[in-house]
Amino acid sequence: MTFRLFIVAAGAILLVALFILLRPVVAPQGPAERSIAVTVSADGMEPKQIAVGEGDRVTLRLTVRSTVRFHLHGYDIERDLSAGTTETVELTATLTGRFEIEDEATKTVLGELVVEPRGR
């Protein structure tokens, strides 16, 4: 009876040890550096939606096909962009939600920035 109890206890200890040693290690996801290429024209942008996480440091590398007055709502970033240029817009994604990006001159919605909240 004691030998049988010993075998069961040793098996249980072995299973717990294997569980601890073989479980996946998940690093906490913190803010990241994000560099995103975006093509902007008078009728929209590609990609249409830019998704980032709260706290990410975001660099938008804009290739401008048409002259637009770029406005990122919520972050109040406005830039006059000239056709044939490459521009950079940088921000830290401190506000969560969906934010329209529009051509302020024509009120055309070009796309949107989506900032997802980090686990709290």
PDB file of N, CA and C in Angstrom:
ATOM      1  N   MET A   1       0.810  -1.190   0.000  1.00  0.00           N
ATOM      2  CA  MET A   1       0.000   0.000   0.000  1.00  0.00           C
ATOM      3  C   MET A   1       0.858   1.259   0.000  1.00  0.00           C
ATOM      4  N   THR A   2       1.942   1.284   0.795  1.00  0.00           N
ATOM      5  CA  THR A   2       2.797   2.471   0.823  1.00  0.00           C
ATOM      6  C   THR A   2       3.558   2.647  -0.482  1.00  0.00           C
ATOM      7  N   PHE A   3       3.906   1.527  -1.131  1.00  0.00           N
ATOM      8  CA  PHE A   3       4.588   1.632  -2.427  1.00  0.00           C
ATOM      9  C   PHE A   3       3.647   2.246  -3.463  1.00  0.00           C
ATOM     10  N   ARG A   4       2.414   1.824  -3.431  1.00  0.00           N
ATOM     11  CA  ARG A   4       1.419   2.360  -4.358  1.00  0.00           C
ATOM     12  C   ARG A   4       1.213   3.857  -4.116  1.00  0.00           C
ATOM     13  N   LEU A   5       1.131   4.275  -2.861  1.00  0.00           N
ATOM     14  CA  LEU A   5       0.995   5.690  -2.501  1.00  0.00           C
ATOM     15  C   LEU A   5       2.222   6.472  -2.964  1.00  0.00           C
ATOM     16  N   PHE A   6       3.387   5.874  -2.830  1.00  0.00           N
ATOM     17  CA  PHE A   6       4.631   6.502  -3.295  1.00  0.00           C
ATOM     18  C   PHE A   6       4.602   6.735  -4.804  1.00  0.00           C
ATOM     19  N   ILE A   7       4.150   5.774  -5.558  1.00  0.00           N
ATOM     20  CA  ILE A   7       4.064   5.877  -7.026  1.00  0.00           C
ATOM     21  C   ILE A   7       3.086   6.982  -7.422  1.00  0.00           C
ATOM     22  N   VAL A   8       1.927   7.044  -6.788  1.00  0.00           N
ATOM     23  CA  VAL A   8       0.926   8.079  -7.089  1.00  0.00           C
ATOM     24  C   VAL A   8       1.490   9.457  -6.760  1.00  0.00           C
ATOM     25  N   ALA A   9       2.141   9.616  -5.618  1.00  0.00           N
ATOM     26  CA  ALA A   9       2.716  10.898  -5.216  1.00  0.00           C
ATOM     27  C   ALA A   9       3.835  11.304  -6.170  1.00  0.00           C
ATOM     28  N   ALA A  10       4.679  10.386  -6.556  1.00  0.00           N
ATOM     29  CA  ALA A  10       5.775  10.682  -7.489  1.00  0.00           C
ATOM     30  C   ALA A  10       5.213  11.082  -8.854  1.00  0.00           C
ATOM     31  N   GLY A  11       4.168  10.413  -9.300  1.00  0.00           N
ATOM     32  CA  GLY A  11       3.525  10.767 -10.566  1.00  0.00           C
ATOM     33  C   GLY A  11       2.925  12.173 -10.516  1.00  0.00           C
ATOM     34  N   ALA A  12       2.284  12.496  -9.413  1.00  0.00           N
ATOM     35  CA  ALA A  12       1.691  13.822  -9.256  1.00  0.00           C
ATOM     36  C   ALA A  12       2.776  14.906  -9.250  1.00  0.00           C
ATOM     37  N   ILE A  13       3.841  14.656  -8.546  1.00  0.00           N
ATOM     38  CA  ILE A  13       4.959  15.613  -8.502  1.00  0.00           C
ATOM     39  C   ILE A  13       5.559  15.781  -9.895  1.00  0.00           C
ATOM     40  N   LEU A  14       5.715  14.683 -10.617  1.00  0.00           N
ATOM     41  CA  LEU A  14       6.253  14.733 -11.977  1.00  0.00           C
ATOM     42  C   LEU A  14       5.338  15.550 -12.900  1.00  0.00           C
ATOM     43  N   LEU A  15       4.029  15.344 -12.809  1.00  0.00           N
ATOM     44  CA  LEU A  15       3.082  16.098 -13.631  1.00  0.00           C
ATOM     45  C   LEU A  15       3.129  17.595 -13.319  1.00  0.00           C
ATOM     46  N   VAL A  16       3.192  17.953 -12.051  1.00  0.00           N
ATOM     47  CA  VAL A  16       3.277  19.370 -11.666  1.00  0.00           C
ATOM     48  C   VAL A  16       4.578  19.975 -12.188  1.00  0.00           C
ATOM     49  N   ALA A  17       5.684  19.257 -12.048  1.00  0.00           N
ATOM     50  CA  ALA A  17       6.982  19.751 -12.532  1.00  0.00           C
ATOM     51  C   ALA A  17       6.958  19.953 -14.048  1.00  0.00           C
ATOM     52  N   LEU A  18       6.388  18.987 -14.783  1.00  0.00           N
ATOM     53  CA  LEU A  18       6.283  19.125 -16.242  1.00  0.00           C
ATOM     54  C   LEU A  18       5.400  20.302 -16.625  1.00  0.00           C
ATOM     55  N   PHE A  19       4.307  20.498 -15.911  1.00  0.00           N
ATOM     56  CA  PHE A  19       3.422  21.628 -16.191  1.00  0.00           C
ATOM     57  C   PHE A  19       4.169  22.946 -16.008  1.00  0.00           C
ATOM     58  N   ILE A  20       4.914  23.073 -14.938  1.00  0.00           N
ATOM     59  CA  ILE A  20       5.659  24.306 -14.665  1.00  0.00           C
ATOM     60  C   ILE A  20       6.756  24.513 -15.705  1.00  0.00           C
ATOM     61  N   LEU A  21       7.478  23.462 -16.056  1.00  0.00           N
ATOM     62  CA  LEU A  21       8.588  23.595 -16.995  1.00  0.00           C
ATOM     63  C   LEU A  21       8.142  23.804 -18.440  1.00  0.00           C
ATOM     64  N   LEU A  22       7.012  23.257 -18.834  1.00  0.00           N
ATOM     65  CA  LEU A  22       6.600  23.292 -20.237  1.00  0.00           C
ATOM     66  C   LEU A  22       5.530  24.328 -20.570  1.00  0.00           C
ATOM     67  N   ARG A  23       5.057  25.073 -19.587  1.00  0.00           N
ATOM     68  CA  ARG A  23       4.032  26.071 -19.896  1.00  0.00           C
ATOM     69  C   ARG A  23       4.639  27.203 -20.729  1.00  0.00           C
ATOM     70  N   PRO A  24       3.869  27.769 -21.634  1.00  0.00           N
ATOM     71  CA  PRO A  24       4.394  28.853 -22.470  1.00  0.00           C
ATOM     72  C   PRO A  24       4.637  30.096 -21.642  1.00  0.00           C
ATOM     73  N   VAL A  25       5.705  30.768 -21.949  1.00  0.00           N
ATOM     74  CA  VAL A  25       6.029  32.019 -21.271  1.00  0.00           C
ATOM     75  C   VAL A  25       5.465  33.152 -22.119  1.00  0.00           C
ATOM     76  N   VAL A  26       4.563  33.914 -21.556  1.00  0.00           N
ATOM     77  CA  VAL A  26       3.952  35.026 -22.264  1.00  0.00           C
ATOM     78  C   VAL A  26       4.471  36.312 -21.643  1.00  0.00           C
ATOM     79  N   ALA A  27       5.228  37.049 -22.452  1.00  0.00           N
ATOM     80  CA  ALA A  27       5.743  38.326 -21.973  1.00  0.00           C
ATOM     81  C   ALA A  27       4.614  39.342 -21.965  1.00  0.00           C
ATOM     82  N   PRO A  28       4.566  40.198 -20.958  1.00  0.00           N
ATOM     83  CA  PRO A  28       3.531  41.221 -20.957  1.00  0.00           C
ATOM     84  C   PRO A  28       3.707  42.144 -22.161  1.00  0.00           C
ATOM     85  N   GLN A  29       2.591  42.455 -22.818  1.00  0.00           N
ATOM     86  CA  GLN A  29       2.641  43.310 -23.993  1.00  0.00           C
ATOM     87  C   GLN A  29       2.591  44.764 -23.546  1.00  0.00           C
ATOM     88  N   GLY A  30       3.660  45.471 -23.800  1.00  0.00           N
ATOM     89  CA  GLY A  30       3.699  46.886 -23.483  1.00  0.00           C
ATOM     90  C   GLY A  30       3.662  47.689 -24.761  1.00  0.00           C
ATOM     91  N   PRO A  31       3.749  48.994 -24.629  1.00  0.00           N
ATOM     92  CA  PRO A  31       3.764  49.854 -25.809  1.00  0.00           C
ATOM     93  C   PRO A  31       4.888  49.463 -26.768  1.00  0.00           C
ATOM     94  N   ALA A  32       4.608  49.639 -28.060  1.00  0.00           N
ATOM     95  CA  ALA A  32       5.565  49.257 -29.098  1.00  0.00           C
ATOM     96  C   ALA A  32       5.855  50.446 -30.005  1.00  0.00           C
ATOM     97  N   GLU A  33       6.971  50.341 -30.723  1.00  0.00           N
ATOM     98  CA  GLU A  33       7.299  51.298 -31.781  1.00  0.00           C
ATOM     99  C   GLU A  33       6.636  50.773 -33.048  1.00  0.00           C
ATOM    100  N   ARG A  34       5.781  51.557 -33.663  1.00  0.00           N
ATOM    101  CA  ARG A  34       5.074  51.131 -34.876  1.00  0.00           C
ATOM    102  C   ARG A  34       5.381  52.100 -36.005  1.00  0.00           C
ATOM    103  N   SER A  35       5.852  51.585 -37.115  1.00  0.00           N
ATOM    104  CA  SER A  35       6.094  52.380 -38.318  1.00  0.00           C
ATOM    105  C   SER A  35       5.194  51.815 -39.415  1.00  0.00           C
ATOM    106  N   ILE A  36       4.311  52.666 -39.938  1.00  0.00           N
ATOM    107  CA  ILE A  36       3.284  52.187 -40.868  1.00  0.00           C
ATOM    108  C   ILE A  36       3.333  53.019 -42.142  1.00  0.00           C
ATOM    109  N   ALA A  37       3.444  52.325 -43.280  1.00  0.00           N
ATOM    110  CA  ALA A  37       3.431  52.985 -44.590  1.00  0.00           C
ATOM    111  C   ALA A  37       1.986  53.204 -45.015  1.00  0.00           C
ATOM    112  N   VAL A  38       1.680  54.448 -45.420  1.00  0.00           N
ATOM    113  CA  VAL A  38       0.326  54.812 -45.820  1.00  0.00           C
ATOM    114  C   VAL A  38       0.410  55.601 -47.127  1.00  0.00           C
ATOM    115  N   THR A  39      -0.438  55.243 -48.092  1.00  0.00           N
ATOM    116  CA  THR A  39      -0.542  56.005 -49.329  1.00  0.00           C
ATOM    117  C   THR A  39      -1.794  56.867 -49.232  1.00  0.00           C
ATOM    118  N   VAL A  40      -1.632  58.173 -49.463  1.00  0.00           N
ATOM    119  CA  VAL A  40      -2.735  59.118 -49.315  1.00  0.00           C
ATOM    120  C   VAL A  40      -3.055  59.734 -50.672  1.00  0.00           C
ATOM    121  N   SER A  41      -4.367  59.738 -51.006  1.00  0.00           N
ATOM    122  CA  SER A  41      -4.832  60.433 -52.212  1.00  0.00           C
ATOM    123  C   SER A  41      -6.118  61.174 -51.861  1.00  0.00           C
ATOM    124  N   ALA A  42      -6.639  61.953 -52.782  1.00  0.00           N
ATOM    125  CA  ALA A  42      -7.823  62.770 -52.515  1.00  0.00           C
ATOM    126  C   ALA A  42      -9.054  61.929 -52.181  1.00  0.00           C
ATOM    127  N   ASP A  43      -9.118  60.697 -52.648  1.00  0.00           N
ATOM    128  CA  ASP A  43     -10.302  59.876 -52.399  1.00  0.00           C
ATOM    129  C   ASP A  43     -10.120  58.834 -51.295  1.00  0.00           C
ATOM    130  N   GLY A  44      -8.979  58.825 -50.637  1.00  0.00           N
ATOM    131  CA  GLY A  44      -8.796  57.888 -49.534  1.00  0.00           C
ATOM    132  C   GLY A  44      -7.343  57.573 -49.269  1.00  0.00           C
ATOM    133  N   MET A  45      -7.133  56.614 -48.395  1.00  0.00           N
ATOM    134  CA  MET A  45      -5.779  56.183 -48.059  1.00  0.00           C
ATOM    135  C   MET A  45      -5.746  54.662 -48.015  1.00  0.00           C
ATOM    136  N   GLU A  46      -4.553  54.121 -48.150  1.00  0.00           N
ATOM    137  CA  GLU A  46      -4.350  52.677 -48.106  1.00  0.00           C
ATOM    138  C   GLU A  46      -3.219  52.404 -47.132  1.00  0.00           C
ATOM    139  N   PRO A  47      -3.405  51.681 -46.074  1.00  0.00           N
ATOM    140  CA  PRO A  47      -4.634  51.003 -45.689  1.00  0.00           C
ATOM    141  C   PRO A  47      -5.686  51.997 -45.194  1.00  0.00           C
ATOM    142  N   LYS A  48      -6.956  51.605 -45.304  1.00  0.00           N
ATOM    143  CA  LYS A  48      -8.076  52.452 -44.859  1.00  0.00           C
ATOM    144  C   LYS A  48      -8.100  52.572 -43.338  1.00  0.00           C
ATOM    145  N   GLN A  49      -7.681  51.510 -42.658  1.00  0.00           N
ATOM    146  CA  GLN A  49      -7.703  51.497 -41.196  1.00  0.00           C
ATOM    147  C   GLN A  49      -6.307  51.181 -40.676  1.00  0.00           C
ATOM    148  N   ILE A  50      -5.885  51.974 -39.697  1.00  0.00           N
ATOM    149  CA  ILE A  50      -4.595  51.764 -39.032  1.00  0.00           C
ATOM    150  C   ILE A  50      -4.911  51.392 -37.587  1.00  0.00           C
ATOM    151  N   ALA A  51      -4.503  50.194 -37.167  1.00  0.00           N
ATOM    152  CA  ALA A  51      -4.787  49.725 -35.806  1.00  0.00           C
ATOM    153  C   ALA A  51      -3.498  49.658 -35.004  1.00  0.00           C
ATOM    154  N   VAL A  52      -3.514  50.278 -33.820  1.00  0.00           N
ATOM    155  CA  VAL A  52      -2.365  50.283 -32.918  1.00  0.00           C
ATOM    156  C   VAL A  52      -2.876  50.075 -31.495  1.00  0.00           C
ATOM    157  N   GLY A  53      -1.952  49.881 -30.575  1.00  0.00           N
ATOM    158  CA  GLY A  53      -2.304  49.711 -29.172  1.00  0.00           C
ATOM    159  C   GLY A  53      -2.064  50.986 -28.385  1.00  0.00           C
ATOM    160  N   GLU A  54      -2.790  51.116 -27.313  1.00  0.00           N
ATOM    161  CA  GLU A  54      -2.633  52.262 -26.425  1.00  0.00           C
ATOM    162  C   GLU A  54      -1.182  52.372 -25.966  1.00  0.00           C
ATOM    163  N   GLY A  55      -0.620  53.545 -26.052  1.00  0.00           N
ATOM    164  CA  GLY A  55       0.749  53.790 -25.616  1.00  0.00           C
ATOM    165  C   GLY A  55       1.788  53.581 -26.700  1.00  0.00           C
ATOM    166  N   ASP A  56       1.386  52.988 -27.838  1.00  0.00           N
ATOM    167  CA  ASP A  56       2.349  52.777 -28.932  1.00  0.00           C
ATOM    168  C   ASP A  56       2.875  54.115 -29.446  1.00  0.00           C
ATOM    169  N   ARG A  57       4.138  54.117 -29.807  1.00  0.00           N
ATOM    170  CA  ARG A  57       4.756  55.275 -30.479  1.00  0.00           C
ATOM    171  C   ARG A  57       4.605  54.991 -31.972  1.00  0.00           C
ATOM    172  N   VAL A  58       3.813  55.813 -32.660  1.00  0.00           N
ATOM    173  CA  VAL A  58       3.410  55.541 -34.038  1.00  0.00           C
ATOM    174  C   VAL A  58       4.073  56.532 -34.987  1.00  0.00           C
ATOM    175  N   THR A  59       4.667  55.998 -36.040  1.00  0.00           N
ATOM    176  CA  THR A  59       5.195  56.819 -37.128  1.00  0.00           C
ATOM    177  C   THR A  59       4.444  56.421 -38.395  1.00  0.00           C
ATOM    178  N   LEU A  60       3.723  57.378 -38.970  1.00  0.00           N
ATOM    179  CA  LEU A  60       3.038  57.158 -40.239  1.00  0.00           C
ATOM    180  C   LEU A  60       3.932  57.704 -41.342  1.00  0.00           C
ATOM    181  N   ARG A  61       4.330  56.830 -42.260  1.00  0.00           N
ATOM    182  CA  ARG A  61       5.148  57.239 -43.411  1.00  0.00           C
ATOM    183  C   ARG A  61       4.196  57.422 -44.585  1.00  0.00           C
ATOM    184  N   LEU A  62       3.870  58.674 -44.879  1.00  0.00           N
ATOM    185  CA  LEU A  62       2.848  58.997 -45.861  1.00  0.00           C
ATOM    186  C   LEU A  62       3.454  59.226 -47.234  1.00  0.00           C
ATOM    187  N   THR A  63       2.984  58.463 -48.220  1.00  0.00           N
ATOM    188  CA  THR A  63       3.302  58.704 -49.625  1.00  0.00           C
ATOM    189  C   THR A  63       2.084  59.428 -50.187  1.00  0.00           C
ATOM    190  N   VAL A  64       2.288  60.671 -50.628  1.00  0.00           N
ATOM    191  CA  VAL A  64       1.169  61.535 -50.994  1.00  0.00           C
ATOM    192  C   VAL A  64       0.982  61.537 -52.511  1.00  0.00           C
ATOM    193  N   ARG A  65      -0.187  61.097 -52.958  1.00  0.00           N
ATOM    194  CA  ARG A  65      -0.514  61.035 -54.390  1.00  0.00           C
ATOM    195  C   ARG A  65      -1.276  62.279 -54.861  1.00  0.00           C
ATOM    196  N   SER A  66      -2.049  62.916 -53.953  1.00  0.00           N
ATOM    197  CA  SER A  66      -2.825  64.119 -54.268  1.00  0.00           C
ATOM    198  C   SER A  66      -2.651  65.119 -53.136  1.00  0.00           C
ATOM    199  N   THR A  67      -2.747  66.384 -53.449  1.00  0.00           N
ATOM    200  CA  THR A  67      -2.644  67.414 -52.420  1.00  0.00           C
ATOM    201  C   THR A  67      -3.864  67.328 -51.507  1.00  0.00           C
ATOM    202  N   VAL A  68      -3.632  67.205 -50.200  1.00  0.00           N
ATOM    203  CA  VAL A  68      -4.713  67.131 -49.207  1.00  0.00           C
ATOM    204  C   VAL A  68      -4.302  67.902 -47.950  1.00  0.00           C
ATOM    205  N   ARG A  69      -5.327  68.298 -47.207  1.00  0.00           N
ATOM    206  CA  ARG A  69      -5.098  68.875 -45.874  1.00  0.00           C
ATOM    207  C   ARG A  69      -5.423  67.752 -44.881  1.00  0.00           C
ATOM    208  N   PHE A  70      -4.410  66.999 -44.493  1.00  0.00           N
ATOM    209  CA  PHE A  70      -4.501  65.814 -43.635  1.00  0.00           C
ATOM    210  C   PHE A  70      -4.886  66.256 -42.226  1.00  0.00           C
ATOM    211  N   HIS A  71      -5.978  65.674 -41.696  1.00  0.00           N
ATOM    212  CA  HIS A  71      -6.395  65.984 -40.327  1.00  0.00           C
ATOM    213  C   HIS A  71      -6.748  64.689 -39.610  1.00  0.00           C
ATOM    214  N   LEU A  72      -6.017  64.401 -38.529  1.00  0.00           N
ATOM    215  CA  LEU A  72      -6.284  63.251 -37.670  1.00  0.00           C
ATOM    216  C   LEU A  72      -7.074  63.755 -36.472  1.00  0.00           C
ATOM    217  N   HIS A  73      -8.386  63.487 -36.471  1.00  0.00           N
ATOM    218  CA  HIS A  73      -9.264  63.943 -35.395  1.00  0.00           C
ATOM    219  C   HIS A  73      -8.889  63.278 -34.083  1.00  0.00           C
ATOM    220  N   GLY A  74      -9.197  63.944 -32.987  1.00  0.00           N
ATOM    221  CA  GLY A  74      -8.903  63.421 -31.658  1.00  0.00           C
ATOM    222  C   GLY A  74      -7.495  63.770 -31.211  1.00  0.00           C
ATOM    223  N   TYR A  75      -6.557  63.659 -32.123  1.00  0.00           N
ATOM    224  CA  TYR A  75      -5.167  64.018 -31.831  1.00  0.00           C
ATOM    225  C   TYR A  75      -4.846  65.416 -32.360  1.00  0.00           C
ATOM    226  N   ASP A  76      -5.792  65.995 -33.108  1.00  0.00           N
ATOM    227  CA  ASP A  76      -5.654  67.346 -33.670  1.00  0.00           C
ATOM    228  C   ASP A  76      -4.328  67.555 -34.391  1.00  0.00           C
ATOM    229  N   ILE A  77      -3.993  66.590 -35.210  1.00  0.00           N
ATOM    230  CA  ILE A  77      -2.806  66.711 -36.059  1.00  0.00           C
ATOM    231  C   ILE A  77      -3.285  67.112 -37.445  1.00  0.00           C
ATOM    232  N   GLU A  78      -2.797  68.224 -37.935  1.00  0.00           N
ATOM    233  CA  GLU A  78      -3.173  68.720 -39.249  1.00  0.00           C
ATOM    234  C   GLU A  78      -1.922  69.047 -40.035  1.00  0.00           C
ATOM    235  N   ARG A  79      -1.897  68.617 -41.281  1.00  0.00           N
ATOM    236  CA  ARG A  79      -0.754  68.877 -42.158  1.00  0.00           C
ATOM    237  C   ARG A  79      -1.248  69.148 -43.565  1.00  0.00           C
ATOM    238  N   ASP A  80      -0.644  70.130 -44.222  1.00  0.00           N
ATOM    239  CA  ASP A  80      -0.866  70.328 -45.648  1.00  0.00           C
ATOM    240  C   ASP A  80       0.104  69.422 -46.378  1.00  0.00           C
ATOM    241  N   LEU A  81      -0.422  68.480 -47.143  1.00  0.00           N
ATOM    242  CA  LEU A  81       0.406  67.513 -47.854  1.00  0.00           C
ATOM    243  C   LEU A  81       0.342  67.803 -49.353  1.00  0.00           C
ATOM    244  N   SER A  82       1.495  67.876 -49.986  1.00  0.00           N
ATOM    245  CA  SER A  82       1.572  68.152 -51.419  1.00  0.00           C
ATOM    246  C   SER A  82       1.780  66.862 -52.198  1.00  0.00           C
ATOM    247  N   ALA A  83       1.110  66.791 -53.349  1.00  0.00           N
ATOM    248  CA  ALA A  83       1.230  65.615 -54.220  1.00  0.00           C
ATOM    249  C   ALA A  83       2.689  65.377 -54.588  1.00  0.00           C
ATOM    250  N   GLY A  84       3.072  64.092 -54.624  1.00  0.00           N
ATOM    251  CA  GLY A  84       4.421  63.716 -55.017  1.00  0.00           C
ATOM    252  C   GLY A  84       5.447  63.772 -53.906  1.00  0.00           C
ATOM    253  N   THR A  85       5.001  64.006 -52.669  1.00  0.00           N
ATOM    254  CA  THR A  85       5.941  64.085 -51.550  1.00  0.00           C
ATOM    255  C   THR A  85       5.777  62.882 -50.617  1.00  0.00           C
ATOM    256  N   THR A  86       6.738  62.729 -49.749  1.00  0.00           N
ATOM    257  CA  THR A  86       6.682  61.744 -48.681  1.00  0.00           C
ATOM    258  C   THR A  86       6.799  62.506 -47.371  1.00  0.00           C
ATOM    259  N   GLU A  87       5.857  62.283 -46.484  1.00  0.00           N
ATOM    260  CA  GLU A  87       5.811  63.004 -45.210  1.00  0.00           C
ATOM    261  C   GLU A  87       5.789  62.000 -44.060  1.00  0.00           C
ATOM    262  N   THR A  88       6.132  62.467 -42.880  1.00  0.00           N
ATOM    263  CA  THR A  88       6.109  61.637 -41.681  1.00  0.00           C
ATOM    264  C   THR A  88       5.252  62.314 -40.620  1.00  0.00           C
ATOM    265  N   VAL A  89       4.351  61.549 -40.027  1.00  0.00           N
ATOM    266  CA  VAL A  89       3.543  62.016 -38.909  1.00  0.00           C
ATOM    267  C   VAL A  89       3.843  61.095 -37.740  1.00  0.00           C
ATOM    268  N   GLU A  90       4.206  61.683 -36.604  1.00  0.00           N
ATOM    269  CA  GLU A  90       4.525  60.899 -35.413  1.00  0.00           C
ATOM    270  C   GLU A  90       3.572  61.261 -34.283  1.00  0.00           C
ATOM    271  N   LEU A  91       3.204  60.237 -33.508  1.00  0.00           N
ATOM    272  CA  LEU A  91       2.340  60.469 -32.359  1.00  0.00           C
ATOM    273  C   LEU A  91       2.513  59.330 -31.370  1.00  0.00           C
ATOM    274  N   THR A  92       2.125  59.590 -30.136  1.00  0.00           N
ATOM    275  CA  THR A  92       2.020  58.539 -29.131  1.00  0.00           C
ATOM    276  C   THR A  92       0.531  58.300 -28.921  1.00  0.00           C
ATOM    277  N   ALA A  93       0.099  57.058 -29.068  1.00  0.00           N
ATOM    278  CA  ALA A  93      -1.326  56.707 -29.029  1.00  0.00           C
ATOM    279  C   ALA A  93      -1.830  56.683 -27.589  1.00  0.00           C
ATOM    280  N   THR A  94      -2.093  57.852 -27.050  1.00  0.00           N
ATOM    281  CA  THR A  94      -2.523  57.974 -25.658  1.00  0.00           C
ATOM    282  C   THR A  94      -4.038  57.915 -25.505  1.00  0.00           C
ATOM    283  N   LEU A  95      -4.772  58.229 -26.573  1.00  0.00           N
ATOM    284  CA  LEU A  95      -6.232  58.197 -26.543  1.00  0.00           C
ATOM    285  C   LEU A  95      -6.719  56.921 -27.219  1.00  0.00           C
ATOM    286  N   THR A  96      -7.674  56.223 -26.596  1.00  0.00           N
ATOM    287  CA  THR A  96      -8.210  55.013 -27.211  1.00  0.00           C
ATOM    288  C   THR A  96      -9.508  55.332 -27.946  1.00  0.00           C
ATOM    289  N   GLY A  97      -9.794  54.528 -28.961  1.00  0.00           N
ATOM    290  CA  GLY A  97     -11.025  54.718 -29.722  1.00  0.00           C
ATOM    291  C   GLY A  97     -10.753  54.729 -31.215  1.00  0.00           C
ATOM    292  N   ARG A  98     -11.731  55.207 -31.979  1.00  0.00           N
ATOM    293  CA  ARG A  98     -11.642  55.323 -33.439  1.00  0.00           C
ATOM    294  C   ARG A  98     -11.580  56.796 -33.787  1.00  0.00           C
ATOM    295  N   PHE A  99     -10.593  57.151 -34.612  1.00  0.00           N
ATOM    296  CA  PHE A  99     -10.373  58.539 -34.959  1.00  0.00           C
ATOM    297  C   PHE A  99     -10.326  58.692 -36.479  1.00  0.00           C
ATOM    298  N   GLU A 100     -11.223  59.527 -37.000  1.00  0.00           N
ATOM    299  CA  GLU A 100     -11.278  59.771 -38.442  1.00  0.00           C
ATOM    300  C   GLU A 100     -10.040  60.520 -38.907  1.00  0.00           C
ATOM    301  N   ILE A 101      -9.603  60.142 -40.084  1.00  0.00           N
ATOM    302  CA  ILE A 101      -8.567  60.897 -40.788  1.00  0.00           C
ATOM    303  C   ILE A 101      -9.264  61.446 -42.023  1.00  0.00           C
ATOM    304  N   GLU A 102      -9.257  62.761 -42.185  1.00  0.00           N
ATOM    305  CA  GLU A 102      -9.967  63.341 -43.305  1.00  0.00           C
ATOM    306  C   GLU A 102      -9.145  64.395 -44.023  1.00  0.00           C
ATOM    307  N   ASP A 103      -9.569  64.679 -45.241  1.00  0.00           N
ATOM    308  CA  ASP A 103      -9.043  65.821 -45.989  1.00  0.00           C
ATOM    309  C   ASP A 103      -9.863  67.000 -45.493  1.00  0.00           C
ATOM    310  N   GLU A 104      -9.283  67.807 -44.661  1.00  0.00           N
ATOM    311  CA  GLU A 104      -9.987  68.916 -44.025  1.00  0.00           C
ATOM    312  C   GLU A 104     -10.527  69.909 -45.050  1.00  0.00           C
ATOM    313  N   ALA A 105      -9.861  70.052 -46.183  1.00  0.00           N
ATOM    314  CA  ALA A 105     -10.296  71.005 -47.211  1.00  0.00           C
ATOM    315  C   ALA A 105     -11.603  70.568 -47.871  1.00  0.00           C
ATOM    316  N   THR A 106     -11.766  69.260 -48.126  1.00  0.00           N
ATOM    317  CA  THR A 106     -12.957  68.765 -48.836  1.00  0.00           C
ATOM    318  C   THR A 106     -13.913  67.998 -47.925  1.00  0.00           C
ATOM    319  N   LYS A 107     -13.508  67.754 -46.686  1.00  0.00           N
ATOM    320  CA  LYS A 107     -14.278  66.969 -45.711  1.00  0.00           C
ATOM    321  C   LYS A 107     -14.434  65.504 -46.128  1.00  0.00           C
ATOM    322  N   THR A 108     -13.562  65.034 -47.023  1.00  0.00           N
ATOM    323  CA  THR A 108     -13.571  63.634 -47.444  1.00  0.00           C
ATOM    324  C   THR A 108     -12.889  62.787 -46.381  1.00  0.00           C
ATOM    325  N   VAL A 109     -13.561  61.726 -45.933  1.00  0.00           N
ATOM    326  CA  VAL A 109     -12.950  60.808 -44.965  1.00  0.00           C
ATOM    327  C   VAL A 109     -11.959  59.941 -45.733  1.00  0.00           C
ATOM    328  N   LEU A 110     -10.701  59.992 -45.299  1.00  0.00           N
ATOM    329  CA  LEU A 110      -9.638  59.230 -45.957  1.00  0.00           C
ATOM    330  C   LEU A 110      -9.471  57.841 -45.334  1.00  0.00           C
ATOM    331  N   GLY A 111      -9.687  57.746 -44.025  1.00  0.00           N
ATOM    332  CA  GLY A 111      -9.501  56.490 -43.307  1.00  0.00           C
ATOM    333  C   GLY A 111      -9.695  56.717 -41.822  1.00  0.00           C
ATOM    334  N   GLU A 112      -9.157  55.781 -41.017  1.00  0.00           N
ATOM    335  CA  GLU A 112      -9.290  55.949 -39.572  1.00  0.00           C
ATOM    336  C   GLU A 112      -8.119  55.311 -38.829  1.00  0.00           C
ATOM    337  N   LEU A 113      -7.845  55.879 -37.668  1.00  0.00           N
ATOM    338  CA  LEU A 113      -6.874  55.328 -36.729  1.00  0.00           C
ATOM    339  C   LEU A 113      -7.673  54.680 -35.610  1.00  0.00           C
ATOM    340  N   VAL A 114      -7.376  53.406 -35.320  1.00  0.00           N
ATOM    341  CA  VAL A 114      -8.037  52.692 -34.225  1.00  0.00           C
ATOM    342  C   VAL A 114      -6.980  52.413 -33.173  1.00  0.00           C
ATOM    343  N   VAL A 115      -7.214  52.911 -31.952  1.00  0.00           N
ATOM    344  CA  VAL A 115      -6.290  52.692 -30.841  1.00  0.00           C
ATOM    345  C   VAL A 115      -6.995  51.793 -29.826  1.00  0.00           C
ATOM    346  N   GLU A 116      -6.496  50.564 -29.705  1.00  0.00           N
ATOM    347  CA  GLU A 116      -7.076  49.561 -28.796  1.00  0.00           C
ATOM    348  C   GLU A 116      -6.481  49.740 -27.397  1.00  0.00           C
ATOM    349  N   PRO A 117      -7.317  49.653 -26.356  1.00  0.00           N
ATOM    350  CA  PRO A 117      -6.779  49.777 -24.994  1.00  0.00           C
ATOM    351  C   PRO A 117      -5.918  48.580 -24.614  1.00  0.00           C
ATOM    352  N   ARG A 118      -4.905  48.825 -23.838  1.00  0.00           N
ATOM    353  CA  ARG A 118      -4.071  47.745 -23.270  1.00  0.00           C
ATOM    354  C   ARG A 118      -4.800  47.156 -22.087  1.00  0.00           C
ATOM    355  N   GLY A 119      -4.517  45.911 -21.761  1.00  0.00           N
ATOM    356  CA  GLY A 119      -5.111  45.290 -20.579  1.00  0.00           C
ATOM    357  C   GLY A 119      -4.776  46.090 -19.341  1.00  0.00           C
ATOM    358  N   ARG A 120      -5.755  46.319 -18.542  1.00  0.00           N
ATOM    359  CA  ARG A 120      -5.544  47.154 -17.338  1.00  0.00           C
ATOM    360  C   ARG A 120      -5.503  46.308 -16.112  1.00  0.00           C
TER     361      ARG A 120
END
